């Protein structure tokens, strides 16, 4: 009959398996929290990049309007 201190006892095996499951769960929980934080940071960065891209596109539109304005609105060249 196995004793309480015996490495082969059912109680010891249960305790060992339970401890292993607790450690795995803690690791999974930590990894999930880290991934969640990384995803949140990535979303924030994507949002900032989207805003920067929108500003750059607006600036480009304004620049195109200034550079390629309607020639009918331009005054005649000085040699006329």
PDB file of N, CA and C in Angstrom:
ATOM      1  N   UNK A   1       0.845  -1.182   0.000  1.00  0.00           N
ATOM      2  CA  UNK A   1       0.000   0.000   0.000  1.00  0.00           C
ATOM      3  C   UNK A   1       0.883   1.237   0.000  1.00  0.00           C
ATOM      4  N   UNK A   2       0.637   2.216  -0.940  1.00  0.00           N
ATOM      5  CA  UNK A   2       1.493   3.397  -0.999  1.00  0.00           C
ATOM      6  C   UNK A   2       1.274   4.315   0.191  1.00  0.00           C
ATOM      7  N   UNK A   3       2.344   4.916   0.638  1.00  0.00           N
ATOM      8  CA  UNK A   3       2.257   5.870   1.737  1.00  0.00           C
ATOM      9  C   UNK A   3       2.123   7.272   1.176  1.00  0.00           C
ATOM     10  N   UNK A   4       1.825   8.216   2.054  1.00  0.00           N
ATOM     11  CA  UNK A   4       1.595   9.590   1.627  1.00  0.00           C
ATOM     12  C   UNK A   4       2.828  10.205   0.979  1.00  0.00           C
ATOM     13  N   UNK A   5       4.005   9.891   1.402  1.00  0.00           N
ATOM     14  CA  UNK A   5       5.234  10.458   0.865  1.00  0.00           C
ATOM     15  C   UNK A   5       5.751   9.739  -0.362  1.00  0.00           C
ATOM     16  N   UNK A   6       5.122   8.670  -0.732  1.00  0.00           N
ATOM     17  CA  UNK A   6       5.559   7.864  -1.875  1.00  0.00           C
ATOM     18  C   UNK A   6       5.327   8.631  -3.178  1.00  0.00           C
ATOM     19  N   UNK A   7       6.373   8.662  -4.060  1.00  0.00           N
ATOM     20  CA  UNK A   7       6.274   9.382  -5.328  1.00  0.00           C
ATOM     21  C   UNK A   7       5.259   8.763  -6.268  1.00  0.00           C
ATOM     22  N   UNK A   8       4.849   7.541  -6.008  1.00  0.00           N
ATOM     23  CA  UNK A   8       3.908   6.859  -6.881  1.00  0.00           C
ATOM     24  C   UNK A   8       2.482   6.893  -6.348  1.00  0.00           C
ATOM     25  N   UNK A   9       2.266   7.540  -5.227  1.00  0.00           N
ATOM     26  CA  UNK A   9       0.916   7.560  -4.661  1.00  0.00           C
ATOM     27  C   UNK A   9      -0.002   8.402  -5.539  1.00  0.00           C
ATOM     28  N   UNK A  10      -1.271   8.061  -5.505  1.00  0.00           N
ATOM     29  CA  UNK A  10      -2.261   8.785  -6.317  1.00  0.00           C
ATOM     30  C   UNK A  10      -2.349  10.250  -5.909  1.00  0.00           C
ATOM     31  N   UNK A  11      -2.248  10.494  -4.606  1.00  0.00           N
ATOM     32  CA  UNK A  11      -2.324  11.873  -4.118  1.00  0.00           C
ATOM     33  C   UNK A  11      -1.143  12.696  -4.632  1.00  0.00           C
ATOM     34  N   UNK A  12       0.050  12.108  -4.607  1.00  0.00           N
ATOM     35  CA  UNK A  12       1.229  12.809  -5.107  1.00  0.00           C
ATOM     36  C   UNK A  12       1.108  13.069  -6.606  1.00  0.00           C
ATOM     37  N   UNK A  13       0.654  12.056  -7.350  1.00  0.00           N
ATOM     38  CA  UNK A  13       0.475  12.238  -8.794  1.00  0.00           C
ATOM     39  C   UNK A  13      -0.562  13.312  -9.088  1.00  0.00           C
ATOM     40  N   UNK A  14      -1.648  13.304  -8.323  1.00  0.00           N
ATOM     41  CA  UNK A  14      -2.675  14.332  -8.497  1.00  0.00           C
ATOM     42  C   UNK A  14      -2.115  15.718  -8.195  1.00  0.00           C
ATOM     43  N   UNK A  15      -1.400  15.840  -7.083  1.00  0.00           N
ATOM     44  CA  UNK A  15      -0.809  17.136  -6.720  1.00  0.00           C
ATOM     45  C   UNK A  15       0.155  17.623  -7.793  1.00  0.00           C
ATOM     46  N   UNK A  16       0.975  16.704  -8.295  1.00  0.00           N
ATOM     47  CA  UNK A  16       1.940  17.070  -9.337  1.00  0.00           C
ATOM     48  C   UNK A  16       1.216  17.516 -10.614  1.00  0.00           C
ATOM     49  N   UNK A  17       0.217  16.771 -11.034  1.00  0.00           N
ATOM     50  CA  UNK A  17      -0.532  17.140 -12.244  1.00  0.00           C
ATOM     51  C   UNK A  17      -1.277  18.457 -12.042  1.00  0.00           C
ATOM     52  N   UNK A  18      -1.866  18.626 -10.853  1.00  0.00           N
ATOM     53  CA  UNK A  18      -2.591  19.869 -10.568  1.00  0.00           C
ATOM     54  C   UNK A  18      -1.645  21.068 -10.581  1.00  0.00           C
ATOM     55  N   UNK A  19      -0.476  20.919  -9.984  1.00  0.00           N
ATOM     56  CA  UNK A  19       0.525  21.992  -9.982  1.00  0.00           C
ATOM     57  C   UNK A  19       0.969  22.297 -11.410  1.00  0.00           C
ATOM     58  N   UNK A  20       1.168  21.264 -12.205  1.00  0.00           N
ATOM     59  CA  UNK A  20       1.545  21.455 -13.608  1.00  0.00           C
ATOM     60  C   UNK A  20       0.459  22.220 -14.357  1.00  0.00           C
ATOM     61  N   UNK A  21      -0.785  21.871 -14.135  1.00  0.00           N
ATOM     62  CA  UNK A  21      -1.898  22.579 -14.792  1.00  0.00           C
ATOM     63  C   UNK A  21      -1.982  24.038 -14.329  1.00  0.00           C
ATOM     64  N   UNK A  22      -1.763  24.273 -13.059  1.00  0.00           N
ATOM     65  CA  UNK A  22      -1.765  25.646 -12.552  1.00  0.00           C
ATOM     66  C   UNK A  22      -0.664  26.474 -13.212  1.00  0.00           C
ATOM     67  N   UNK A  23       0.539  25.866 -13.338  1.00  0.00           N
ATOM     68  CA  UNK A  23       1.649  26.585 -13.972  1.00  0.00           C
ATOM     69  C   UNK A  23       1.330  26.866 -15.437  1.00  0.00           C
ATOM     70  N   UNK A  24       0.772  25.879 -16.132  1.00  0.00           N
ATOM     71  CA  UNK A  24       0.405  26.083 -17.539  1.00  0.00           C
ATOM     72  C   UNK A  24      -0.652  27.180 -17.677  1.00  0.00           C
ATOM     73  N   UNK A  25      -1.630  27.151 -16.796  1.00  0.00           N
ATOM     74  CA  UNK A  25      -2.678  28.163 -16.826  1.00  0.00           C
ATOM     75  C   UNK A  25      -2.093  29.554 -16.583  1.00  0.00           C
ATOM     76  N   UNK A  26      -1.203  29.669 -15.606  1.00  0.00           N
ATOM     77  CA  UNK A  26      -0.583  30.966 -15.316  1.00  0.00           C
ATOM     78  C   UNK A  26       0.223  31.450 -16.517  1.00  0.00           C
ATOM     79  N   UNK A  27       0.952  30.545 -17.148  1.00  0.00           N
ATOM     80  CA  UNK A  27       1.719  30.910 -18.338  1.00  0.00           C
ATOM     81  C   UNK A  27       0.788  31.370 -19.452  1.00  0.00           C
ATOM     82  N   UNK A  28      -0.290  30.627 -19.690  1.00  0.00           N
ATOM     83  CA  UNK A  28      -1.244  30.993 -20.744  1.00  0.00           C
ATOM     84  C   UNK A  28      -1.897  32.342 -20.445  1.00  0.00           C
ATOM     85  N   UNK A  29      -2.225  32.575 -19.190  1.00  0.00           N
ATOM     86  CA  UNK A  29      -2.834  33.846 -18.798  1.00  0.00           C
ATOM     87  C   UNK A  29      -1.864  35.007 -19.032  1.00  0.00           C
ATOM     88  N   UNK A  30      -0.600  34.811 -18.670  1.00  0.00           N
ATOM     89  CA  UNK A  30       0.400  35.849 -18.884  1.00  0.00           C
ATOM     90  C   UNK A  30       0.601  36.099 -20.375  1.00  0.00           C
ATOM     91  N   UNK A  31       0.685  35.036 -21.164  1.00  0.00           N
ATOM     92  CA  UNK A  31       0.868  35.184 -22.605  1.00  0.00           C
ATOM     93  C   UNK A  31      -0.331  35.892 -23.224  1.00  0.00           C
ATOM     94  N   UNK A  32      -1.521  35.565 -22.784  1.00  0.00           N
ATOM     95  CA  UNK A  32      -2.732  36.204 -23.296  1.00  0.00           C
ATOM     96  C   UNK A  32      -2.747  37.693 -22.956  1.00  0.00           C
ATOM     97  N   UNK A  33      -2.341  38.040 -21.743  1.00  0.00           N
ATOM     98  CA  UNK A  33      -2.274  39.455 -21.358  1.00  0.00           C
ATOM     99  C   UNK A  33      -1.241  40.206 -22.201  1.00  0.00           C
ATOM    100  N   UNK A  34      -0.091  39.575 -22.442  1.00  0.00           N
ATOM    101  CA  UNK A  34       0.941  40.211 -23.258  1.00  0.00           C
ATOM    102  C   UNK A  34       0.462  40.408 -24.694  1.00  0.00           C
ATOM    103  N   UNK A  35      -0.216  39.403 -25.236  1.00  0.00           N
ATOM    104  CA  UNK A  35      -0.735  39.531 -26.606  1.00  0.00           C
ATOM    105  C   UNK A  35      -1.824  40.601 -26.682  1.00  0.00           C
ATOM    106  N   UNK A  36      -2.643  40.679 -25.652  1.00  0.00           N
ATOM    107  CA  UNK A  36      -3.689  41.701 -25.612  1.00  0.00           C
ATOM    108  C   UNK A  36      -3.077  43.100 -25.590  1.00  0.00           C
ATOM    109  N   UNK A  37      -2.049  43.272 -24.784  1.00  0.00           N
ATOM    110  CA  UNK A  37      -1.359  44.563 -24.726  1.00  0.00           C
ATOM    111  C   UNK A  37      -0.707  44.896 -26.068  1.00  0.00           C
ATOM    112  N   UNK A  38      -0.103  43.898 -26.688  1.00  0.00           N
ATOM    113  CA  UNK A  38       0.544  44.121 -27.985  1.00  0.00           C
ATOM    114  C   UNK A  38      -0.494  44.479 -29.047  1.00  0.00           C
ATOM    115  N   UNK A  39      -1.641  43.829 -29.009  1.00  0.00           N
ATOM    116  CA  UNK A  39      -2.700  44.132 -29.966  1.00  0.00           C
ATOM    117  C   UNK A  39      -3.225  45.541 -29.761  1.00  0.00           C
ATOM    118  N   UNK A  40      -3.407  45.944 -28.524  1.00  0.00           N
ATOM    119  CA  UNK A  40      -3.875  47.299 -28.235  1.00  0.00           C
ATOM    120  C   UNK A  40      -2.863  48.328 -28.737  1.00  0.00           C
ATOM    121  N   UNK A  41      -1.579  48.093 -28.502  1.00  0.00           N
ATOM    122  CA  UNK A  41      -0.541  49.013 -28.971  1.00  0.00           C
ATOM    123  C   UNK A  41      -0.520  49.057 -30.497  1.00  0.00           C
ATOM    124  N   UNK A  42      -0.699  47.914 -31.123  1.00  0.00           N
ATOM    125  CA  UNK A  42      -0.711  47.857 -32.583  1.00  0.00           C
ATOM    126  C   UNK A  42      -1.898  48.632 -33.148  1.00  0.00           C
ATOM    127  N   UNK A  43      -3.042  48.509 -32.519  1.00  0.00           N
ATOM    128  CA  UNK A  43      -4.230  49.247 -32.972  1.00  0.00           C
ATOM    129  C   UNK A  43      -4.038  50.755 -32.809  1.00  0.00           C
ATOM    130  N   UNK A  44      -3.423  51.165 -31.705  1.00  0.00           N
ATOM    131  CA  UNK A  44      -3.146  52.586 -31.505  1.00  0.00           C
ATOM    132  C   UNK A  44      -2.199  53.107 -32.586  1.00  0.00           C
ATOM    133  N   UNK A  45      -1.160  52.337 -32.882  1.00  0.00           N
ATOM    134  CA  UNK A  45      -0.208  52.739 -33.909  1.00  0.00           C
ATOM    135  C   UNK A  45      -0.876  52.799 -35.276  1.00  0.00           C
ATOM    136  N   UNK A  46      -1.729  51.841 -35.571  1.00  0.00           N
ATOM    137  CA  UNK A  46      -2.445  51.841 -36.849  1.00  0.00           C
ATOM    138  C   UNK A  46      -3.358  53.054 -36.943  1.00  0.00           C
ATOM    139  N   UNK A  47      -3.979  53.423 -35.858  1.00  0.00           N
ATOM    140  CA  UNK A  47      -4.846  54.597 -35.841  1.00  0.00           C
ATOM    141  C   UNK A  47      -4.034  55.874 -36.085  1.00  0.00           C
ATOM    142  N   UNK A  48      -2.872  55.973 -35.437  1.00  0.00           N
ATOM    143  CA  UNK A  48      -2.005  57.140 -35.655  1.00  0.00           C
ATOM    144  C   UNK A  48      -1.530  57.189 -37.103  1.00  0.00           C
ATOM    145  N   UNK A  49      -1.144  56.039 -37.644  1.00  0.00           N
ATOM    146  CA  UNK A  49      -0.698  55.994 -39.038  1.00  0.00           C
ATOM    147  C   UNK A  49      -1.816  56.378 -39.992  1.00  0.00           C
ATOM    148  N   UNK A  50      -3.030  55.967 -39.683  1.00  0.00           N
ATOM    149  CA  UNK A  50      -4.176  56.324 -40.519  1.00  0.00           C
ATOM    150  C   UNK A  50      -4.388  57.841 -40.522  1.00  0.00           C
ATOM    151  N   UNK A  51      -4.304  58.436 -39.334  1.00  0.00           N
ATOM    152  CA  UNK A  51      -4.457  59.893 -39.239  1.00  0.00           C
ATOM    153  C   UNK A  51      -3.350  60.609 -40.010  1.00  0.00           C
ATOM    154  N   UNK A  52      -2.118  60.147 -39.875  1.00  0.00           N
ATOM    155  CA  UNK A  52      -1.009  60.767 -40.602  1.00  0.00           C
ATOM    156  C   UNK A  52      -1.190  60.638 -42.102  1.00  0.00           C
ATOM    157  N   UNK A  53      -1.645  59.484 -42.553  1.00  0.00           N
ATOM    158  CA  UNK A  53      -1.883  59.279 -43.975  1.00  0.00           C
ATOM    159  C   UNK A  53      -3.003  60.188 -44.473  1.00  0.00           C
ATOM    160  N   UNK A  54      -4.049  60.333 -43.697  1.00  0.00           N
ATOM    161  CA  UNK A  54      -5.148  61.219 -44.102  1.00  0.00           C
ATOM    162  C   UNK A  54      -4.662  62.668 -44.207  1.00  0.00           C
ATOM    163  N   UNK A  55      -3.852  63.097 -43.256  1.00  0.00           N
ATOM    164  CA  UNK A  55      -3.298  64.461 -43.315  1.00  0.00           C
ATOM    165  C   UNK A  55      -2.402  64.637 -44.539  1.00  0.00           C
ATOM    166  N   UNK A  56      -1.575  63.635 -44.801  1.00  0.00           N
ATOM    167  CA  UNK A  56      -0.681  63.716 -45.963  1.00  0.00           C
ATOM    168  C   UNK A  56      -1.485  63.770 -47.255  1.00  0.00           C
ATOM    169  N   UNK A  57      -2.551  63.015 -47.348  1.00  0.00           N
ATOM    170  CA  UNK A  57      -3.393  63.044 -48.548  1.00  0.00           C
ATOM    171  C   UNK A  57      -4.086  64.397 -48.711  1.00  0.00           C
ATOM    172  N   UNK A  58      -4.543  64.953 -47.617  1.00  0.00           N
ATOM    173  CA  UNK A  58      -5.158  66.286 -47.691  1.00  0.00           C
ATOM    174  C   UNK A  58      -4.142  67.335 -48.133  1.00  0.00           C
ATOM    175  N   UNK A  59      -2.938  67.262 -47.575  1.00  0.00           N
ATOM    176  CA  UNK A  59      -1.878  68.197 -47.985  1.00  0.00           C
ATOM    177  C   UNK A  59      -1.546  68.024 -49.469  1.00  0.00           C
ATOM    178  N   UNK A  60      -1.501  66.791 -49.929  1.00  0.00           N
ATOM    179  CA  UNK A  60      -1.216  66.523 -51.336  1.00  0.00           C
ATOM    180  C   UNK A  60      -2.326  67.085 -52.234  1.00  0.00           C
ATOM    181  N   UNK A  61      -3.566  66.939 -51.821  1.00  0.00           N
ATOM    182  CA  UNK A  61      -4.684  67.494 -52.590  1.00  0.00           C
ATOM    183  C   UNK A  61      -4.566  69.014 -52.676  1.00  0.00           C
ATOM    184  N   UNK A  62      -4.242  69.648 -51.563  1.00  0.00           N
ATOM    185  CA  UNK A  62      -4.087  71.104 -51.561  1.00  0.00           C
ATOM    186  C   UNK A  62      -2.930  71.520 -52.452  1.00  0.00           C
ATOM    187  N   UNK A  63      -1.840  70.794 -52.385  1.00  0.00           N
ATOM    188  CA  UNK A  63      -0.678  71.108 -53.205  1.00  0.00           C
ATOM    189  C   UNK A  63      -1.001  70.952 -54.683  1.00  0.00           C
ATOM    190  N   UNK A  64      -1.713  69.897 -55.029  1.00  0.00           N
ATOM    191  CA  UNK A  64      -2.113  69.709 -56.428  1.00  0.00           C
ATOM    192  C   UNK A  64      -3.013  70.847 -56.893  1.00  0.00           C
ATOM    193  N   UNK A  65      -3.904  71.290 -56.027  1.00  0.00           N
ATOM    194  CA  UNK A  65      -4.794  72.393 -56.387  1.00  0.00           C
ATOM    195  C   UNK A  65      -3.989  73.662 -56.650  1.00  0.00           C
ATOM    196  N   UNK A  66      -2.981  73.900 -55.825  1.00  0.00           N
ATOM    197  CA  UNK A  66      -2.156  75.087 -56.002  1.00  0.00           C
ATOM    198  C   UNK A  66      -1.274  74.986 -57.250  1.00  0.00           C
ATOM    199  N   UNK A  67      -0.714  73.822 -57.492  1.00  0.00           N
ATOM    200  CA  UNK A  67       0.199  73.654 -58.625  1.00  0.00           C
ATOM    201  C   UNK A  67      -0.522  73.582 -59.965  1.00  0.00           C
ATOM    202  N   UNK A  68      -1.666  72.967 -59.978  1.00  0.00           N
ATOM    203  CA  UNK A  68      -2.372  72.750 -61.235  1.00  0.00           C
ATOM    204  C   UNK A  68      -3.708  73.467 -61.230  1.00  0.00           C
ATOM    205  N   UNK A  69      -3.682  74.732 -60.937  1.00  0.00           N
ATOM    206  CA  UNK A  69      -4.923  75.493 -60.943  1.00  0.00           C
ATOM    207  C   UNK A  69      -5.399  75.688 -62.384  1.00  0.00           C
ATOM    208  N   UNK A  70      -6.635  76.096 -62.537  1.00  0.00           N
ATOM    209  CA  UNK A  70      -7.246  76.271 -63.850  1.00  0.00           C
ATOM    210  C   UNK A  70      -6.509  77.370 -64.611  1.00  0.00           C
ATOM    211  N   UNK A  71      -5.988  77.094 -65.816  1.00  0.00           N
ATOM    212  CA  UNK A  71      -5.246  78.105 -66.569  1.00  0.00           C
ATOM    213  C   UNK A  71      -6.108  79.306 -66.969  1.00  0.00           C
ATOM    214  N   UNK A  72      -7.403  79.147 -67.031  1.00  0.00           N
ATOM    215  CA  UNK A  72      -8.282  80.266 -67.383  1.00  0.00           C
ATOM    216  C   UNK A  72      -8.278  81.335 -66.295  1.00  0.00           C
ATOM    217  N   UNK A  73      -7.988  80.965 -65.092  1.00  0.00           N
ATOM    218  CA  UNK A  73      -7.967  81.928 -63.987  1.00  0.00           C
ATOM    219  C   UNK A  73      -6.616  82.627 -63.841  1.00  0.00           C
ATOM    220  N   UNK A  74      -5.615  82.187 -64.585  1.00  0.00           N
ATOM    221  CA  UNK A  74      -4.284  82.778 -64.513  1.00  0.00           C
ATOM    222  C   UNK A  74      -4.239  84.077 -65.330  1.00  0.00           C
ATOM    223  N   UNK A  75      -3.522  85.061 -64.852  1.00  0.00           N
ATOM    224  CA  UNK A  75      -3.358  86.287 -65.662  1.00  0.00           C
ATOM    225  C   UNK A  75      -2.493  85.995 -66.885  1.00  0.00           C
ATOM    226  N   UNK A  76      -2.635  86.740 -67.926  1.00  0.00           N
ATOM    227  CA  UNK A  76      -1.821  86.494 -69.128  1.00  0.00           C
ATOM    228  C   UNK A  76      -0.345  86.724 -68.840  1.00  0.00           C
ATOM    229  N   UNK A  77       0.527  86.045 -69.535  1.00  0.00           N
ATOM    230  CA  UNK A  77       1.956  86.267 -69.340  1.00  0.00           C
ATOM    231  C   UNK A  77       2.332  87.715 -69.692  1.00  0.00           C
ATOM    232  N   UNK A  78       3.443  88.190 -69.196  1.00  0.00           N
ATOM    233  CA  UNK A  78       3.811  89.601 -69.380  1.00  0.00           C
ATOM    234  C   UNK A  78       4.106  89.962 -70.841  1.00  0.00           C
ATOM    235  N   UNK A  79       4.387  89.028 -71.699  1.00  0.00           N
ATOM    236  CA  UNK A  79       4.719  89.397 -73.070  1.00  0.00           C
ATOM    237  C   UNK A  79       3.480  89.671 -73.914  1.00  0.00           C
ATOM    238  N   UNK A  80       2.279  89.562 -73.413  1.00  0.00           N
ATOM    239  CA  UNK A  80       1.075  89.881 -74.184  1.00  0.00           C
ATOM    240  C   UNK A  80       0.683  91.304 -74.018  1.00  0.00           C
TER     241      UNK A  80
END
